[in-house]
Amino acid sequence: MAQRFPVRLVTPTGTVFEGTAEQVTAWGTLGQFGVLANHTDFITPLVPGLLEITGTDNGTDERYVVAGGFAEVRGGAMVILATEAIVPVVEDETALAHEAEAAERRLAQLSSYEPDFSEAEQAARLVRARIQASELSRTADAS
């Protein structure tokens, strides 16, 4: 059995998850990263993506769609401060595909120098994370 470490996921509305885990994976500005017990201290901004907390104390894996925020590992514990953390649900594939297409089209029309580019990029990342989470939820429901 792998070592566990304390993990806390907090949003502006309160604590969403507090317990121990064997591993946490999330999306930062440089891509996906993973944290295990005894990880070196660090802090990183989060971008919209799927946050996975595996090997929790109750034996389940937790997944959340995170809209952004920060993750910090310090002294062997991890704290995730998320602007929003949504429990994934199975969503309508067609509606999600249309939403993703619209977000990607909007992003493609903007230059990275335009003020709306960052917001459009975040919206596209968030819908991609929702698609991934919905697919994982659908797979879990089928088994």
Protein backbone atom coordinates (compact mmCIF):
# COMPACT_ATOMS: atom_id res chain seq x y z
CA MET A 1 0.00 0.00 0.00
CA ALA A 2 1.30 3.43 -0.97
CA GLN A 3 1.84 6.16 1.57
CA ARG A 4 -0.92 8.70 2.04
CA PHE A 5 -0.64 12.41 2.68
CA PRO A 6 -3.13 15.08 3.84
CA VAL A 7 -5.13 16.77 1.07
CA ARG A 8 -7.59 19.62 1.35
CA LEU A 9 -9.69 21.08 -1.50
CA VAL A 10 -11.22 24.45 -0.68
CA THR A 11 -13.48 26.75 -2.73
CA PRO A 12 -14.93 30.15 -1.84
CA THR A 13 -18.02 28.33 -0.54
CA GLY A 14 -16.12 26.01 1.79
CA THR A 15 -14.15 22.78 2.06
CA VAL A 16 -15.06 20.29 -0.67
CA PHE A 17 -12.67 17.50 0.31
CA GLU A 18 -10.50 16.92 3.36
CA GLY A 19 -8.70 13.65 4.00
CA THR A 20 -5.67 11.69 2.92
CA ALA A 21 -4.74 10.37 -0.50
CA GLU A 22 -2.09 8.31 -2.22
CA GLN A 23 -1.92 10.62 -5.25
CA VAL A 24 -3.36 13.85 -6.61
CA THR A 25 -3.23 14.88 -10.27
CA ALA A 26 -4.24 18.30 -11.57
CA TRP A 27 -3.59 20.76 -14.39
CA GLY A 28 -1.21 23.67 -13.94
CA THR A 29 -0.01 26.29 -16.38
CA LEU A 30 2.79 23.97 -17.54
CA GLY A 31 0.53 20.93 -17.99
CA GLN A 32 -0.66 18.02 -15.90
CA PHE A 33 1.22 17.25 -12.69
CA GLY A 34 1.01 14.62 -9.99
CA VAL A 35 1.74 14.70 -6.27
CA LEU A 36 2.67 11.72 -4.09
CA ALA A 37 3.57 11.49 -0.40
CA ASN A 38 6.81 13.30 0.53
CA HIS A 39 6.63 15.53 -2.56
CA THR A 40 8.91 18.54 -2.53
CA ASP A 41 7.30 21.82 -1.49
CA PHE A 42 5.89 23.90 -4.33
CA ILE A 43 3.05 26.18 -5.35
CA THR A 44 1.49 26.47 -8.79
CA PRO A 45 -1.49 28.15 -10.41
CA LEU A 46 -4.20 25.80 -11.64
CA VAL A 47 -5.96 26.04 -14.98
CA PRO A 48 -9.37 24.54 -15.73
CA GLY A 49 -9.08 20.78 -15.75
CA LEU A 50 -9.82 17.51 -14.04
CA LEU A 51 -8.54 17.14 -10.47
CA GLU A 52 -8.17 13.52 -9.38
CA ILE A 53 -7.61 12.46 -5.77
CA THR A 54 -6.82 8.73 -5.70
CA GLY A 55 -6.41 6.27 -2.84
CA THR A 56 -8.41 8.25 -0.29
CA ASP A 57 -8.90 7.12 3.31
CA ASN A 58 -12.31 5.62 2.50
CA GLY A 59 -10.90 3.68 -0.47
CA THR A 60 -12.57 5.74 -3.19
CA ASP A 61 -11.19 7.99 -5.88
CA GLU A 62 -12.52 11.54 -6.02
CA ARG A 63 -12.79 13.62 -9.20
CA TYR A 64 -13.64 17.28 -9.62
CA VAL A 65 -13.75 19.69 -12.53
CA VAL A 66 -11.74 22.65 -11.27
CA ALA A 67 -12.15 26.07 -12.87
CA GLY A 68 -8.76 27.40 -11.72
CA GLY A 69 -6.98 28.43 -8.55
CA PHE A 70 -3.76 27.39 -6.82
CA ALA A 71 -2.22 24.20 -5.49
CA GLU A 72 0.37 24.18 -2.73
CA VAL A 73 2.40 21.36 -1.25
CA ARG A 74 4.14 22.26 1.98
CA GLY A 75 5.44 20.09 4.77
CA GLY A 76 4.04 16.93 3.24
CA ALA A 77 0.46 18.26 2.93
CA MET A 78 -1.40 19.56 -0.12
CA VAL A 79 -3.93 22.38 -0.18
CA ILE A 80 -5.87 23.17 -3.34
CA LEU A 81 -7.57 26.56 -3.43
CA ALA A 82 -10.01 26.34 -6.33
CA THR A 83 -12.22 29.07 -7.72
CA GLU A 84 -14.81 26.34 -8.32
CA ALA A 85 -14.83 22.54 -7.94
CA ILE A 86 -17.69 20.60 -9.51
CA VAL A 87 -18.38 16.91 -9.00
CA PRO A 88 -18.45 15.42 -12.52
CA VAL A 89 -21.74 14.20 -13.92
CA VAL A 90 -22.72 12.54 -17.18
CA GLU A 91 -23.64 15.38 -19.53
CA ASP A 92 -25.35 15.36 -22.90
CA GLU A 93 -22.60 14.57 -25.43
CA THR A 94 -24.17 16.57 -28.25
CA ALA A 95 -24.66 19.68 -26.15
CA LEU A 96 -21.10 19.44 -24.83
CA ALA A 97 -19.74 18.98 -28.35
CA HIS A 98 -21.57 22.14 -29.51
CA GLU A 99 -20.32 24.06 -26.49
CA ALA A 100 -16.75 22.89 -27.14
CA GLU A 101 -16.99 23.80 -30.82
CA ALA A 102 -18.23 27.30 -29.98
CA ALA A 103 -15.48 27.80 -27.37
CA GLU A 104 -12.77 26.60 -29.77
CA ARG A 105 -14.14 28.77 -32.59
CA ARG A 106 -14.14 31.85 -30.34
CA LEU A 107 -10.59 31.09 -29.23
CA ALA A 108 -9.40 30.62 -32.83
CA GLN A 109 -10.76 34.04 -33.79
CA LEU A 110 -8.73 35.85 -31.13
CA SER A 111 -5.10 36.86 -31.04
CA SER A 112 -3.23 36.13 -27.83
CA TYR A 113 -2.74 39.90 -27.54
CA GLU A 114 -6.46 40.64 -27.31
CA PRO A 115 -7.96 41.25 -23.85
CA ASP A 116 -10.62 38.51 -24.29
CA PHE A 117 -8.09 35.81 -25.22
CA SER A 118 -7.40 34.62 -21.65
CA GLU A 119 -11.11 34.33 -20.85
CA ALA A 120 -11.76 32.43 -24.10
CA GLU A 121 -8.83 30.09 -23.41
CA GLN A 122 -10.14 29.38 -19.89
CA ALA A 123 -13.64 28.68 -21.26
CA ALA A 124 -12.24 26.23 -23.83
CA ARG A 125 -10.17 24.43 -21.18
CA LEU A 126 -13.16 24.21 -18.85
CA VAL A 127 -15.42 22.64 -21.47
CA ARG A 128 -12.66 20.15 -22.38
CA ALA A 129 -12.41 19.20 -18.70
CA ARG A 130 -16.18 18.76 -18.51
CA ILE A 131 -16.06 16.47 -21.55
CA GLN A 132 -13.29 14.37 -19.99
CA ALA A 133 -15.13 14.21 -16.66
CA SER A 134 -18.41 13.27 -18.33
CA GLU A 135 -16.70 10.46 -20.26
CA LEU A 136 -15.11 9.13 -17.04
CA SER A 137 -18.47 9.32 -15.25
CA ARG A 138 -20.17 7.52 -18.11
CA THR A 139 -17.53 4.75 -18.00
CA ALA A 140 -17.87 4.44 -14.21
CA ASP A 141 -21.67 4.23 -14.46
CA ALA A 142 -21.40 1.48 -17.09
CA SER A 143 -19.24 -0.74 -14.87
